[in-house]
């Protein structure tokens, strides 16, 4: 029976390495590192809550590359998992930063236009411009408020479940 392994996971990476090394290669590799073949096989099972440590993962990737494999499956799995874990957090933070920048720029424009009204002889055109800039600033601040509220509604975590 074939066991499904999600690509981009350590289990999948170990299975790729095992398939490339073959049965005899896995046995030699395990023996050289003082591990049992069953331990390496367990690392490839998604139902087992155990994976190789950093040094063991490095040894697995090294064996794979030395046997002519292309890439580094354990490293690639680590990179994929890390990207999944922090990717959404980074995207949310970038969106917040962009919203902050937009609100700041709009507030700056509104403030500059309003300051012009303090000068003697402000024209109706300047008043309308200040009102238009203030309305745009309110819209941008509203978007900022909604973005911040998404952070608040997650109990201090970045929206999407990743931790800050």
Protein backbone atom coordinates (compact mmCIF):
# COMPACT_ATOMS: atom_id res chain seq x y z
CA UNK A 1 0.00 0.00 0.00
CA UNK A 2 1.32 3.43 -0.97
CA UNK A 3 1.44 6.00 1.81
CA UNK A 4 0.60 9.53 0.75
CA UNK A 5 3.13 12.14 1.82
CA UNK A 6 2.52 15.82 1.36
CA UNK A 7 5.23 17.43 -0.79
CA UNK A 8 7.25 20.02 1.09
CA UNK A 9 7.28 18.00 4.32
CA UNK A 10 10.12 16.19 6.06
CA UNK A 11 8.36 12.85 5.58
CA UNK A 12 8.23 13.41 1.84
CA UNK A 13 11.88 14.52 1.76
CA UNK A 14 13.05 11.41 3.64
CA UNK A 15 11.05 9.22 1.27
CA UNK A 16 12.63 10.94 -1.76
CA UNK A 17 16.07 10.32 -0.27
CA UNK A 18 15.26 6.70 0.58
CA UNK A 19 13.94 6.03 -2.92
CA UNK A 20 17.06 7.55 -4.44
CA UNK A 21 19.46 5.62 -2.18
CA UNK A 22 17.60 2.33 -2.56
CA UNK A 23 17.25 -0.37 0.06
CA UNK A 24 20.96 -1.22 0.19
CA UNK A 25 21.96 2.45 0.19
CA UNK A 26 19.62 3.23 3.07
CA UNK A 27 21.01 0.28 5.02
CA UNK A 28 24.62 1.42 4.45
CA UNK A 29 23.72 5.03 5.27
CA UNK A 30 21.93 4.05 8.49
CA UNK A 31 24.81 1.81 9.59
CA UNK A 32 27.44 4.50 8.86
CA UNK A 33 25.54 6.93 11.09
CA UNK A 34 24.76 4.47 13.87
CA UNK A 35 21.03 4.45 13.12
CA UNK A 36 18.67 1.63 12.39
CA UNK A 37 16.94 1.35 9.02
CA UNK A 38 13.62 1.34 10.88
CA UNK A 39 14.45 4.76 12.37
CA UNK A 40 15.03 6.22 8.90
CA UNK A 41 11.84 4.55 7.68
CA UNK A 42 9.88 6.05 10.60
CA UNK A 43 11.07 9.51 9.60
CA UNK A 44 9.33 8.96 6.27
CA UNK A 45 5.94 8.18 7.82
CA UNK A 46 3.43 11.02 8.17
CA UNK A 47 1.74 9.11 11.00
CA UNK A 48 4.88 9.21 13.19
CA UNK A 49 5.36 12.44 15.11
CA UNK A 50 9.14 12.35 14.86
CA UNK A 51 11.59 13.77 12.37
CA UNK A 52 15.35 14.01 12.01
CA UNK A 53 17.17 16.72 13.92
CA UNK A 54 19.26 19.30 12.06
CA UNK A 55 22.42 17.19 12.05
CA UNK A 56 20.53 14.11 10.87
CA UNK A 57 18.79 16.14 8.14
CA UNK A 58 22.17 17.43 6.99
CA UNK A 59 23.49 13.86 6.85
CA UNK A 60 20.44 12.77 4.83
CA UNK A 61 20.87 15.61 2.32
CA UNK A 62 24.62 14.92 2.10
CA UNK A 63 24.04 11.23 1.39
CA UNK A 64 21.46 12.12 -1.25
CA UNK A 65 23.78 14.58 -3.01
CA UNK A 66 26.78 12.19 -2.79
CA UNK A 67 24.63 9.51 -4.42
CA UNK A 68 23.97 11.81 -7.37
CA UNK A 69 20.74 13.35 -6.18
CA UNK A 70 19.87 16.83 -7.33
CA UNK A 71 18.97 19.41 -4.71
CA UNK A 72 18.71 18.90 -0.97
CA UNK A 73 15.28 17.48 -0.07
CA UNK A 74 15.51 18.07 3.70
CA UNK A 75 16.70 21.64 3.23
CA UNK A 76 13.97 22.26 0.66
CA UNK A 77 11.33 20.83 3.01
CA UNK A 78 12.57 23.06 5.83
CA UNK A 79 12.42 26.08 3.53
CA UNK A 80 8.90 25.17 2.36
CA UNK A 81 7.62 24.68 5.91
CA UNK A 82 9.22 27.91 7.09
CA UNK A 83 7.71 29.81 4.18
CA UNK A 84 4.27 28.40 5.00
CA UNK A 85 4.68 29.29 8.67
CA UNK A 86 5.84 32.87 8.28
CA UNK A 87 4.75 33.72 4.75
CA UNK A 88 1.26 34.82 5.70
CA UNK A 89 2.56 36.73 8.69
CA UNK A 90 5.05 38.58 6.52
CA UNK A 91 2.37 39.32 3.93
CA UNK A 92 0.01 40.65 6.63
CA UNK A 93 2.73 42.84 8.09
CA UNK A 94 3.62 44.18 4.66
CA UNK A 95 -0.03 44.97 3.99
CA UNK A 96 -0.21 46.78 7.33
CA UNK A 97 2.96 48.73 6.51
CA UNK A 98 1.55 49.73 3.13
CA UNK A 99 -1.72 50.82 4.75
CA UNK A 100 0.19 52.85 7.36
CA UNK A 101 2.21 54.51 4.61
CA UNK A 102 -0.92 55.35 2.64
CA UNK A 103 -2.70 56.80 5.70
CA UNK A 104 0.41 58.80 6.64
CA UNK A 105 0.72 60.27 3.16
CA UNK A 106 -2.97 61.17 3.02
CA UNK A 107 -2.83 62.73 6.48
CA UNK A 108 0.21 64.72 5.42
CA UNK A 109 -1.61 66.01 2.35
CA UNK A 110 -4.68 66.89 4.41
CA UNK A 111 -2.58 68.63 7.04
CA UNK A 112 -0.67 70.63 4.44
CA UNK A 113 -3.91 71.71 2.76
CA UNK A 114 -5.45 72.66 6.12
CA UNK A 115 -2.39 74.67 7.13
CA UNK A 116 -2.83 76.72 3.97
CA UNK A 117 -6.25 77.76 5.33
CA UNK A 118 -4.58 79.48 8.28
CA UNK A 119 -3.06 82.01 5.93
CA UNK A 120 -4.97 85.27 5.41
CA UNK A 121 -7.06 85.31 2.24
CA UNK A 122 -7.54 81.54 1.80
CA UNK A 123 -9.56 81.01 -1.36
CA UNK A 124 -12.67 78.84 -1.78
CA UNK A 125 -10.55 76.61 -4.03
CA UNK A 126 -8.10 76.05 -1.14
CA UNK A 127 -11.00 75.28 1.23
CA UNK A 128 -12.43 72.71 -1.20
CA UNK A 129 -9.00 71.19 -1.69
CA UNK A 130 -8.53 70.90 2.10
CA UNK A 131 -11.95 69.23 2.39
CA UNK A 132 -11.11 66.79 -0.43
CA UNK A 133 -7.73 65.96 1.16
CA UNK A 134 -9.40 65.47 4.56
CA UNK A 135 -11.96 63.08 3.02
CA UNK A 136 -9.18 61.08 1.37
CA UNK A 137 -7.30 60.97 4.68
CA UNK A 138 -10.43 59.74 6.49
CA UNK A 139 -10.78 56.94 3.92
CA UNK A 140 -7.15 55.92 4.36
CA UNK A 141 -7.40 56.05 8.15
CA UNK A 142 -10.56 53.91 7.95
CA UNK A 143 -8.67 51.30 5.91
CA UNK A 144 -5.86 51.43 8.47
CA UNK A 145 -8.32 50.97 11.31
CA UNK A 146 -9.88 47.93 9.61
CA UNK A 147 -6.43 46.42 9.03
CA UNK A 148 -5.44 46.95 12.66
CA UNK A 149 -8.76 45.48 13.81
CA UNK A 150 -7.90 42.23 11.97
CA UNK A 151 -4.76 41.97 14.13
CA UNK A 152 -6.81 42.64 17.28
CA UNK A 153 -9.45 40.04 16.41
CA UNK A 154 -6.82 37.28 16.35
CA UNK A 155 -5.84 37.74 19.97
CA UNK A 156 -2.44 39.25 19.27
CA UNK A 157 -1.51 36.86 16.46
CA UNK A 158 -1.05 37.90 12.88
CA UNK A 159 -4.23 37.18 10.89
CA UNK A 160 -4.17 33.67 9.48
CA UNK A 161 -2.81 31.93 12.56
CA UNK A 162 0.92 32.60 12.33
CA UNK A 163 2.47 34.06 15.47
CA UNK A 164 3.91 37.56 15.62
